Amino acid sequence: MALRKRLLFSVMVVLLTLNIAGTVSAAGVVLYSSNQPELLDMVTQGFEKKTGIKVTTVRLGTGEAMKRIAAEKANPLADVFWSGDVAVLEAARDNFMAYDSPEAKGLPQGYVAKDKRWTAANTHLMILMVNTKLVKPEDMPKTWADLLDPKWKDKVVIANPQKSGSAYAQIYGIYKLYGWDGLTKLINNAKILDSSSLVYKGTAEGEFAVGITMEYAAYRYVAGGSDAVKIVYPADGVISAPEGAAIVAGAKHAKEAKAFFDYLISKDVVSEIYAKYYRRPARPDATKVEGLPSVDNIVIMKGFDPEEANKLQTELLAKWREIVLHKK
């Protein structure tokens, strides 16, 4: 009789253990993200090691992720999205829940949505990537305005803002600085490529003289020892476009999603991302990276407003198409 009781007790313990394990497994975080696989692995594995919470990642483009999150609104399959231009997140704000992360307290103004539905994790500095084998030192552009000169015709490349969120941030910034006249002059000078990656790869390989691109993408070549790439921070204002994360409205694992969100924008994590992948953190207290200038030593364009960028997107892209169709 005693043996039967002990066996019964052992079976109950095993069943209880399996039940708890199943509960923990079911309470993992589902992440939709457009980031590169090795970066995603670093962050998700670090989070799992720290908390024991598993993260399942679905990698897809920002536009596709927004469409999927909207389509799944009645039955959300994702818990967190990271990362996309905050103008894109602002446009999709109804699909995200408000969350005031304690890790977001020190972020600059404009880096957290007014209703807390998205928070910037990093910011992309839009810069000029110059191929030094094609551009002499005395001809080096110093400002966005320099690129409006006809002498740069067909020597400048930019991605299509209808397909690239970062390219849209670039044309919005140039529009803010120089209006329709400046944007028209830039388009008339530029070659337009289908993706952001074609811009920095083509410039690094000597296919193009100057590429309008993101700091981190250009700096990878500098850090890798390339002597053909120089980064120019335009003196008339570097465009700083924050990129963010958001928790999906109705997330099935909201508690775990908030823990992941806090981890993602914590000082240690954004500093590690900056050191390894050169994505400039939104947090001003993040550890600096040797070789990259402090943001205090860069002229940042004033007036970049994610809400305005979102409101102007239809108008700006319509005008973009019109100018491109009538390009000289």
Foldseek 3Di string as FASTA:
>chain_A
DVVVVVVVVVVVVVVVVVVVVVVQQVLAAEEEEQDDPVLVCVQQVVLCVVPVHHYHYDHDDPVVVLVVLVVCQVPGPHFKYDKFFVLSCVVSLVQFDADDAPQQVQFDPQQADPRRQKGFFFKWWWWKKFFCVVAPPVRDDQALQSLLDLVLAAQEEAEQVVQDVVSLLVLVLQCVVPNPSSSLSNLLRYDYHHDQLCQLVCRLVPVHGIYGHTPLSQVVCVVVPRPRIDIHQHQSATRITTMIMGTGPPRPNNVNSSVSRNSSNHQVNSLVCCQPRVGGGSRLPHDDHPPDDRVVPGHHDPDSHSNVSSVCVVVVSVVVVVSNVVRD
